[in-house]
Amino acid sequence: MSDIEFTQQQKEGLTEALQKYCADELGIELEQFDAWFLLEFVTNKIGPVYYNKGLSDAQSVIERKMLDIADELYQIEKESEF
């Protein structure tokens, strides 16, 4: 797995969202620097779990589509004496 990377704009938005959540829900005021470190921690420790779940979901979709394709191919097969 490659590292999870965000654009600068995404980092800023996510950092602001963390600051707002911590202030509104937890009563904790995070400075931008602290919020950025929290984002890095969450990205590095929890991000791979979400990444792997996304891969698993994508694999399930692909497997279902492949079964659909196999069914359609079976339906168009021609009978042959050979």
PDB file of N, CA and C in Angstrom:
ATOM      1  N   MET A   1       0.839  -1.171   0.000  1.00  0.00           N
ATOM      2  CA  MET A   1       0.000   0.000   0.000  1.00  0.00           C
ATOM      3  C   MET A   1       0.884   1.233   0.000  1.00  0.00           C
ATOM      4  N   SER A   2       0.549   2.157  -0.846  1.00  0.00           N
ATOM      5  CA  SER A   2       1.283   3.415  -0.837  1.00  0.00           C
ATOM      6  C   SER A   2       0.754   4.293   0.291  1.00  0.00           C
ATOM      7  N   ASP A   3       1.542   5.276   0.668  1.00  0.00           N
ATOM      8  CA  ASP A   3       1.131   6.184   1.735  1.00  0.00           C
ATOM      9  C   ASP A   3      -0.119   6.944   1.334  1.00  0.00           C
ATOM     10  N   ILE A   4      -0.955   7.220   2.313  1.00  0.00           N
ATOM     11  CA  ILE A   4      -2.143   8.031   2.075  1.00  0.00           C
ATOM     12  C   ILE A   4      -1.703   9.484   2.104  1.00  0.00           C
ATOM     13  N   GLU A   5      -1.896  10.162   0.999  1.00  0.00           N
ATOM     14  CA  GLU A   5      -1.473  11.556   0.907  1.00  0.00           C
ATOM     15  C   GLU A   5      -2.657  12.424   0.519  1.00  0.00           C
ATOM     16  N   PHE A   6      -2.677  13.625   1.074  1.00  0.00           N
ATOM     17  CA  PHE A   6      -3.723  14.597   0.780  1.00  0.00           C
ATOM     18  C   PHE A   6      -3.105  15.831   0.150  1.00  0.00           C
ATOM     19  N   THR A   7      -3.904  16.525  -0.642  1.00  0.00           N
ATOM     20  CA  THR A   7      -3.456  17.814  -1.162  1.00  0.00           C
ATOM     21  C   THR A   7      -3.431  18.807  -0.006  1.00  0.00           C
ATOM     22  N   GLN A   8      -2.774  19.925  -0.221  1.00  0.00           N
ATOM     23  CA  GLN A   8      -2.722  20.951   0.813  1.00  0.00           C
ATOM     24  C   GLN A   8      -4.133  21.421   1.169  1.00  0.00           C
ATOM     25  N   GLN A   9      -4.975  21.576   0.160  1.00  0.00           N
ATOM     26  CA  GLN A   9      -6.350  22.016   0.392  1.00  0.00           C
ATOM     27  C   GLN A   9      -7.120  20.983   1.228  1.00  0.00           C
ATOM     28  N   GLN A  10      -6.921  19.711   0.931  1.00  0.00           N
ATOM     29  CA  GLN A  10      -7.576  18.661   1.710  1.00  0.00           C
ATOM     30  C   GLN A  10      -7.083  18.667   3.153  1.00  0.00           C
ATOM     31  N   LYS A  11      -5.767  18.808   3.344  1.00  0.00           N
ATOM     32  CA  LYS A  11      -5.203  18.858   4.700  1.00  0.00           C
ATOM     33  C   LYS A  11      -5.806  20.003   5.493  1.00  0.00           C
ATOM     34  N   GLU A  12      -5.905  21.158   4.854  1.00  0.00           N
ATOM     35  CA  GLU A  12      -6.462  22.321   5.542  1.00  0.00           C
ATOM     36  C   GLU A  12      -7.918  22.080   5.924  1.00  0.00           C
ATOM     37  N   GLY A  13      -8.693  21.524   5.002  1.00  0.00           N
ATOM     38  CA  GLY A  13     -10.097  21.244   5.290  1.00  0.00           C
ATOM     39  C   GLY A  13     -10.275  20.208   6.386  1.00  0.00           C
ATOM     40  N   LEU A  14      -9.484  19.153   6.326  1.00  0.00           N
ATOM     41  CA  LEU A  14      -9.568  18.111   7.344  1.00  0.00           C
ATOM     42  C   LEU A  14      -9.108  18.618   8.703  1.00  0.00           C
ATOM     43  N   THR A  15      -8.060  19.429   8.712  1.00  0.00           N
ATOM     44  CA  THR A  15      -7.569  20.013   9.954  1.00  0.00           C
ATOM     45  C   THR A  15      -8.637  20.905  10.578  1.00  0.00           C
ATOM     46  N   GLU A  16      -9.276  21.728   9.759  1.00  0.00           N
ATOM     47  CA  GLU A  16     -10.353  22.589  10.258  1.00  0.00           C
ATOM     48  C   GLU A  16     -11.514  21.751  10.792  1.00  0.00           C
ATOM     49  N   ALA A  17     -11.841  20.666  10.106  1.00  0.00           N
ATOM     50  CA  ALA A  17     -12.925  19.795  10.561  1.00  0.00           C
ATOM     51  C   ALA A  17     -12.590  19.168  11.913  1.00  0.00           C
ATOM     52  N   LEU A  18     -11.344  18.747  12.090  1.00  0.00           N
ATOM     53  CA  LEU A  18     -10.918  18.197  13.381  1.00  0.00           C
ATOM     54  C   LEU A  18     -10.996  19.247  14.480  1.00  0.00           C
ATOM     55  N   GLN A  19     -10.542  20.447  14.175  1.00  0.00           N
ATOM     56  CA  GLN A  19     -10.603  21.523  15.163  1.00  0.00           C
ATOM     57  C   GLN A  19     -12.051  21.796  15.568  1.00  0.00           C
ATOM     58  N   LYS A  20     -12.926  21.869  14.594  1.00  0.00           N
ATOM     59  CA  LYS A  20     -14.340  22.145  14.870  1.00  0.00           C
ATOM     60  C   LYS A  20     -14.958  21.016  15.683  1.00  0.00           C
ATOM     61  N   TYR A  21     -14.685  19.783  15.305  1.00  0.00           N
ATOM     62  CA  TYR A  21     -15.234  18.645  16.039  1.00  0.00           C
ATOM     63  C   TYR A  21     -14.758  18.654  17.487  1.00  0.00           C
ATOM     64  N   CYS A  22     -13.467  18.818  17.681  1.00  0.00           N
ATOM     65  CA  CYS A  22     -12.917  18.816  19.039  1.00  0.00           C
ATOM     66  C   CYS A  22     -13.512  19.944  19.879  1.00  0.00           C
ATOM     67  N   ALA A  23     -13.687  21.104  19.283  1.00  0.00           N
ATOM     68  CA  ALA A  23     -14.256  22.240  20.011  1.00  0.00           C
ATOM     69  C   ALA A  23     -15.737  22.005  20.317  1.00  0.00           C
ATOM     70  N   ASP A  24     -16.504  21.605  19.306  1.00  0.00           N
ATOM     71  CA  ASP A  24     -17.955  21.461  19.468  1.00  0.00           C
ATOM     72  C   ASP A  24     -18.352  20.261  20.317  1.00  0.00           C
ATOM     73  N   GLU A  25     -17.700  19.140  20.104  1.00  0.00           N
ATOM     74  CA  GLU A  25     -18.121  17.898  20.752  1.00  0.00           C
ATOM     75  C   GLU A  25     -17.348  17.560  22.019  1.00  0.00           C
ATOM     76  N   LEU A  26     -16.103  17.994  22.084  1.00  0.00           N
ATOM     77  CA  LEU A  26     -15.258  17.604  23.213  1.00  0.00           C
ATOM     78  C   LEU A  26     -14.868  18.770  24.111  1.00  0.00           C
ATOM     79  N   GLY A  27     -15.146  19.977  23.653  1.00  0.00           N
ATOM     80  CA  GLY A  27     -14.764  21.160  24.429  1.00  0.00           C
ATOM     81  C   GLY A  27     -13.262  21.373  24.474  1.00  0.00           C
ATOM     82  N   ILE A  28     -12.564  20.891  23.463  1.00  0.00           N
ATOM     83  CA  ILE A  28     -11.106  21.015  23.401  1.00  0.00           C
ATOM     84  C   ILE A  28     -10.751  21.939  22.247  1.00  0.00           C
ATOM     85  N   GLU A  29      -9.975  22.949  22.542  1.00  0.00           N
ATOM     86  CA  GLU A  29      -9.516  23.871  21.498  1.00  0.00           C
ATOM     87  C   GLU A  29      -8.159  23.391  20.987  1.00  0.00           C
ATOM     88  N   LEU A  30      -8.110  22.968  19.751  1.00  0.00           N
ATOM     89  CA  LEU A  30      -6.856  22.532  19.138  1.00  0.00           C
ATOM     90  C   LEU A  30      -6.295  23.648  18.274  1.00  0.00           C
ATOM     91  N   GLU A  31      -5.034  23.914  18.452  1.00  0.00           N
ATOM     92  CA  GLU A  31      -4.361  24.847  17.557  1.00  0.00           C
ATOM     93  C   GLU A  31      -4.143  24.123  16.228  1.00  0.00           C
ATOM     94  N   GLN A  32      -3.877  24.877  15.197  1.00  0.00           N
ATOM     95  CA  GLN A  32      -3.738  24.291  13.865  1.00  0.00           C
ATOM     96  C   GLN A  32      -2.626  23.243  13.828  1.00  0.00           C
ATOM     97  N   PHE A  33      -1.512  23.534  14.485  1.00  0.00           N
ATOM     98  CA  PHE A  33      -0.383  22.607  14.504  1.00  0.00           C
ATOM     99  C   PHE A  33      -0.780  21.286  15.166  1.00  0.00           C
ATOM    100  N   ASP A  34      -1.476  21.364  16.305  1.00  0.00           N
ATOM    101  CA  ASP A  34      -1.921  20.154  17.004  1.00  0.00           C
ATOM    102  C   ASP A  34      -2.928  19.370  16.167  1.00  0.00           C
ATOM    103  N   ALA A  35      -3.826  20.084  15.515  1.00  0.00           N
ATOM    104  CA  ALA A  35      -4.816  19.426  14.662  1.00  0.00           C
ATOM    105  C   ALA A  35      -4.132  18.725  13.493  1.00  0.00           C
ATOM    106  N   TRP A  36      -3.083  19.343  12.961  1.00  0.00           N
ATOM    107  CA  TRP A  36      -2.353  18.733  11.856  1.00  0.00           C
ATOM    108  C   TRP A  36      -1.693  17.432  12.313  1.00  0.00           C
ATOM    109  N   PHE A  37      -1.091  17.432  13.525  1.00  0.00           N
ATOM    110  CA  PHE A  37      -0.477  16.210  14.048  1.00  0.00           C
ATOM    111  C   PHE A  37      -1.525  15.135  14.328  1.00  0.00           C
ATOM    112  N   LEU A  38      -2.696  15.541  14.805  1.00  0.00           N
ATOM    113  CA  LEU A  38      -3.778  14.583  15.019  1.00  0.00           C
ATOM    114  C   LEU A  38      -4.218  13.977  13.690  1.00  0.00           C
ATOM    115  N   LEU A  39      -4.317  14.806  12.670  1.00  0.00           N
ATOM    116  CA  LEU A  39      -4.674  14.312  11.341  1.00  0.00           C
ATOM    117  C   LEU A  39      -3.636  13.305  10.846  1.00  0.00           C
ATOM    118  N   GLU A  40      -2.373  13.591  11.026  1.00  0.00           N
ATOM    119  CA  GLU A  40      -1.314  12.664  10.615  1.00  0.00           C
ATOM    120  C   GLU A  40      -1.426  11.335  11.359  1.00  0.00           C
ATOM    121  N   PHE A  41      -1.695  11.426  12.664  1.00  0.00           N
ATOM    122  CA  PHE A  41      -1.848  10.210  13.463  1.00  0.00           C
ATOM    123  C   PHE A  41      -3.020   9.372  12.957  1.00  0.00           C
ATOM    124  N   VAL A  42      -4.172  10.008  12.801  1.00  0.00           N
ATOM    125  CA  VAL A  42      -5.364   9.298  12.338  1.00  0.00           C
ATOM    126  C   VAL A  42      -5.123   8.707  10.949  1.00  0.00           C
ATOM    127  N   THR A  43      -4.503   9.479  10.078  1.00  0.00           N
ATOM    128  CA  THR A  43      -4.227   9.010   8.716  1.00  0.00           C
ATOM    129  C   THR A  43      -3.324   7.782   8.734  1.00  0.00           C
ATOM    130  N   ASN A  44      -2.278   7.822   9.537  1.00  0.00           N
ATOM    131  CA  ASN A  44      -1.301   6.730   9.555  1.00  0.00           C
ATOM    132  C   ASN A  44      -1.781   5.494  10.302  1.00  0.00           C
ATOM    133  N   LYS A  45      -2.562   5.678  11.355  1.00  0.00           N
ATOM    134  CA  LYS A  45      -2.983   4.542  12.178  1.00  0.00           C
ATOM    135  C   LYS A  45      -4.342   3.974  11.783  1.00  0.00           C
ATOM    136  N   ILE A  46      -5.278   4.839  11.422  1.00  0.00           N
ATOM    137  CA  ILE A  46      -6.633   4.394  11.126  1.00  0.00           C
ATOM    138  C   ILE A  46      -6.891   4.346   9.620  1.00  0.00           C
ATOM    139  N   GLY A  47      -6.223   5.204   8.888  1.00  0.00           N
ATOM    140  CA  GLY A  47      -6.414   5.275   7.442  1.00  0.00           C
ATOM    141  C   GLY A  47      -6.288   3.940   6.728  1.00  0.00           C
ATOM    142  N   PRO A  48      -5.274   3.120   7.054  1.00  0.00           N
ATOM    143  CA  PRO A  48      -5.141   1.837   6.367  1.00  0.00           C
ATOM    144  C   PRO A  48      -6.353   0.916   6.545  1.00  0.00           C
ATOM    145  N   VAL A  49      -7.037   1.023   7.678  1.00  0.00           N
ATOM    146  CA  VAL A  49      -8.226   0.197   7.898  1.00  0.00           C
ATOM    147  C   VAL A  49      -9.313   0.581   6.898  1.00  0.00           C
ATOM    148  N   TYR A  50      -9.537   1.889   6.732  1.00  0.00           N
ATOM    149  CA  TYR A  50     -10.530   2.362   5.762  1.00  0.00           C
ATOM    150  C   TYR A  50     -10.096   2.038   4.330  1.00  0.00           C
ATOM    151  N   TYR A  51      -8.821   2.172   4.067  1.00  0.00           N
ATOM    152  CA  TYR A  51      -8.277   1.865   2.740  1.00  0.00           C
ATOM    153  C   TYR A  51      -8.538   0.400   2.392  1.00  0.00           C
ATOM    154  N   ASN A  52      -8.208  -0.486   3.339  1.00  0.00           N
ATOM    155  CA  ASN A  52      -8.399  -1.917   3.105  1.00  0.00           C
ATOM    156  C   ASN A  52      -9.872  -2.268   2.951  1.00  0.00           C
ATOM    157  N   LYS A  53     -10.742  -1.613   3.704  1.00  0.00           N
ATOM    158  CA  LYS A  53     -12.182  -1.842   3.572  1.00  0.00           C
ATOM    159  C   LYS A  53     -12.647  -1.423   2.183  1.00  0.00           C
ATOM    160  N   GLY A  54     -12.140  -0.303   1.700  1.00  0.00           N
ATOM    161  CA  GLY A  54     -12.476   0.149   0.351  1.00  0.00           C
ATOM    162  C   GLY A  54     -12.028  -0.849  -0.704  1.00  0.00           C
ATOM    163  N   LEU A  55     -10.825  -1.387  -0.530  1.00  0.00           N
ATOM    164  CA  LEU A  55     -10.337  -2.409  -1.465  1.00  0.00           C
ATOM    165  C   LEU A  55     -11.209  -3.656  -1.429  1.00  0.00           C
ATOM    166  N   SER A  56     -11.591  -4.065  -0.237  1.00  0.00           N
ATOM    167  CA  SER A  56     -12.442  -5.242  -0.091  1.00  0.00           C
ATOM    168  C   SER A  56     -13.797  -5.023  -0.763  1.00  0.00           C
ATOM    169  N   ASP A  57     -14.371  -3.848  -0.564  1.00  0.00           N
ATOM    170  CA  ASP A  57     -15.651  -3.530  -1.205  1.00  0.00           C
ATOM    171  C   ASP A  57     -15.507  -3.521  -2.725  1.00  0.00           C
ATOM    172  N   ALA A  58     -14.429  -2.944  -3.218  1.00  0.00           N
ATOM    173  CA  ALA A  58     -14.196  -2.903  -4.668  1.00  0.00           C
ATOM    174  C   ALA A  58     -14.023  -4.314  -5.219  1.00  0.00           C
ATOM    175  N   GLN A  59     -13.306  -5.157  -4.487  1.00  0.00           N
ATOM    176  CA  GLN A  59     -13.111  -6.536  -4.925  1.00  0.00           C
ATOM    177  C   GLN A  59     -14.447  -7.273  -5.011  1.00  0.00           C
ATOM    178  N   SER A  60     -15.326  -7.039  -4.054  1.00  0.00           N
ATOM    179  CA  SER A  60     -16.646  -7.674  -4.076  1.00  0.00           C
ATOM    180  C   SER A  60     -17.446  -7.250  -5.301  1.00  0.00           C
ATOM    181  N   VAL A  61     -17.392  -5.974  -5.631  1.00  0.00           N
ATOM    182  CA  VAL A  61     -18.105  -5.472  -6.807  1.00  0.00           C
ATOM    183  C   VAL A  61     -17.553  -6.121  -8.070  1.00  0.00           C
ATOM    184  N   ILE A  62     -16.237  -6.182  -8.179  1.00  0.00           N
ATOM    185  CA  ILE A  62     -15.602  -6.778  -9.361  1.00  0.00           C
ATOM    186  C   ILE A  62     -15.974  -8.256  -9.483  1.00  0.00           C
ATOM    187  N   GLU A  63     -15.964  -8.972  -8.363  1.00  0.00           N
ATOM    188  CA  GLU A  63     -16.319 -10.390  -8.401  1.00  0.00           C
ATOM    189  C   GLU A  63     -17.760 -10.588  -8.871  1.00  0.00           C
ATOM    190  N   ARG A  64     -18.685  -9.748  -8.382  1.00  0.00           N
ATOM    191  CA  ARG A  64     -20.083  -9.848  -8.831  1.00  0.00           C
ATOM    192  C   ARG A  64     -20.197  -9.566 -10.323  1.00  0.00           C
ATOM    193  N   LYS A  65     -19.478  -8.560 -10.793  1.00  0.00           N
ATOM    194  CA  LYS A  65     -19.525  -8.221 -12.220  1.00  0.00           C
ATOM    195  C   LYS A  65     -18.945  -9.350 -13.064  1.00  0.00           C
ATOM    196  N   MET A  66     -17.880  -9.981 -12.589  1.00  0.00           N
ATOM    197  CA  MET A  66     -17.284 -11.093 -13.334  1.00  0.00           C
ATOM    198  C   MET A  66     -18.259 -12.269 -13.415  1.00  0.00           C
ATOM    199  N   LEU A  67     -19.006 -12.520 -12.345  1.00  0.00           N
ATOM    200  CA  LEU A  67     -20.013 -13.580 -12.394  1.00  0.00           C
ATOM    201  C   LEU A  67     -21.107 -13.240 -13.398  1.00  0.00           C
ATOM    202  N   ASP A  68     -21.510 -11.981 -13.438  1.00  0.00           N
ATOM    203  CA  ASP A  68     -22.509 -11.544 -14.421  1.00  0.00           C
ATOM    204  C   ASP A  68     -21.998 -11.768 -15.841  1.00  0.00           C
ATOM    205  N   ILE A  69     -20.749 -11.427 -16.072  1.00  0.00           N
ATOM    206  CA  ILE A  69     -20.152 -11.609 -17.401  1.00  0.00           C
ATOM    207  C   ILE A  69     -20.105 -13.095 -17.754  1.00  0.00           C
ATOM    208  N   ALA A  70     -19.700 -13.930 -16.797  1.00  0.00           N
ATOM    209  CA  ALA A  70     -19.640 -15.374 -17.049  1.00  0.00           C
ATOM    210  C   ALA A  70     -21.026 -15.915 -17.390  1.00  0.00           C
ATOM    211  N   ASP A  71     -22.044 -15.446 -16.677  1.00  0.00           N
ATOM    212  CA  ASP A  71     -23.417 -15.876 -16.979  1.00  0.00           C
ATOM    213  C   ASP A  71     -23.836 -15.457 -18.382  1.00  0.00           C
ATOM    214  N   GLU A  72     -23.537 -14.241 -18.758  1.00  0.00           N
ATOM    215  CA  GLU A  72     -23.902 -13.751 -20.089  1.00  0.00           C
ATOM    216  C   GLU A  72     -23.169 -14.518 -21.185  1.00  0.00           C
ATOM    217  N   LEU A  73     -21.907 -14.834 -20.958  1.00  0.00           N
ATOM    218  CA  LEU A  73     -21.155 -15.617 -21.942  1.00  0.00           C
ATOM    219  C   LEU A  73     -21.752 -17.012 -22.087  1.00  0.00           C
ATOM    220  N   TYR A  74     -22.145 -17.604 -20.978  1.00  0.00           N
ATOM    221  CA  TYR A  74     -22.765 -18.929 -21.023  1.00  0.00           C
ATOM    222  C   TYR A  74     -24.055 -18.889 -21.844  1.00  0.00           C
ATOM    223  N   GLN A  75     -24.827 -17.815 -21.689  1.00  0.00           N
ATOM    224  CA  GLN A  75     -26.103 -17.685 -22.401  1.00  0.00           C
ATOM    225  C   GLN A  75     -25.929 -17.574 -23.914  1.00  0.00           C
ATOM    226  N   ILE A  76     -24.810 -17.053 -24.364  1.00  0.00           N
ATOM    227  CA  ILE A  76     -24.633 -16.881 -25.814  1.00  0.00           C
ATOM    228  C   ILE A  76     -23.813 -18.001 -26.450  1.00  0.00           C
ATOM    229  N   GLU A  77     -23.451 -18.994 -25.650  1.00  0.00           N
ATOM    230  CA  GLU A  77     -22.726 -20.128 -26.221  1.00  0.00           C
ATOM    231  C   GLU A  77     -23.604 -20.842 -27.235  1.00  0.00           C
ATOM    232  N   LYS A  78     -22.995 -21.344 -28.279  1.00  0.00           N
ATOM    233  CA  LYS A  78     -23.681 -22.108 -29.328  1.00  0.00           C
ATOM    234  C   LYS A  78     -23.471 -23.594 -29.068  1.00  0.00           C
ATOM    235  N   GLU A  79     -24.500 -24.356 -29.330  1.00  0.00           N
ATOM    236  CA  GLU A  79     -24.354 -25.804 -29.207  1.00  0.00           C
ATOM    237  C   GLU A  79     -23.471 -26.310 -30.337  1.00  0.00           C
ATOM    238  N   SER A  80     -22.710 -27.311 -30.015  1.00  0.00           N
ATOM    239  CA  SER A  80     -21.813 -27.884 -31.010  1.00  0.00           C
ATOM    240  C   SER A  80     -21.711 -29.380 -30.765  1.00  0.00           C
ATOM    241  N   GLU A  81     -21.562 -30.105 -31.845  1.00  0.00           N
ATOM    242  CA  GLU A  81     -21.405 -31.550 -31.686  1.00  0.00           C
ATOM    243  C   GLU A  81     -19.974 -31.912 -31.300  1.00  0.00           C
ATOM    244  N   PHE A  82     -19.109 -30.936 -31.287  1.00  0.00           N
ATOM    245  CA  PHE A  82     -17.706 -31.201 -30.941  1.00  0.00           C
ATOM    246  C   PHE A  82     -17.368 -30.723 -29.573  1.00  0.00           C
TER     247      PHE A  82
END
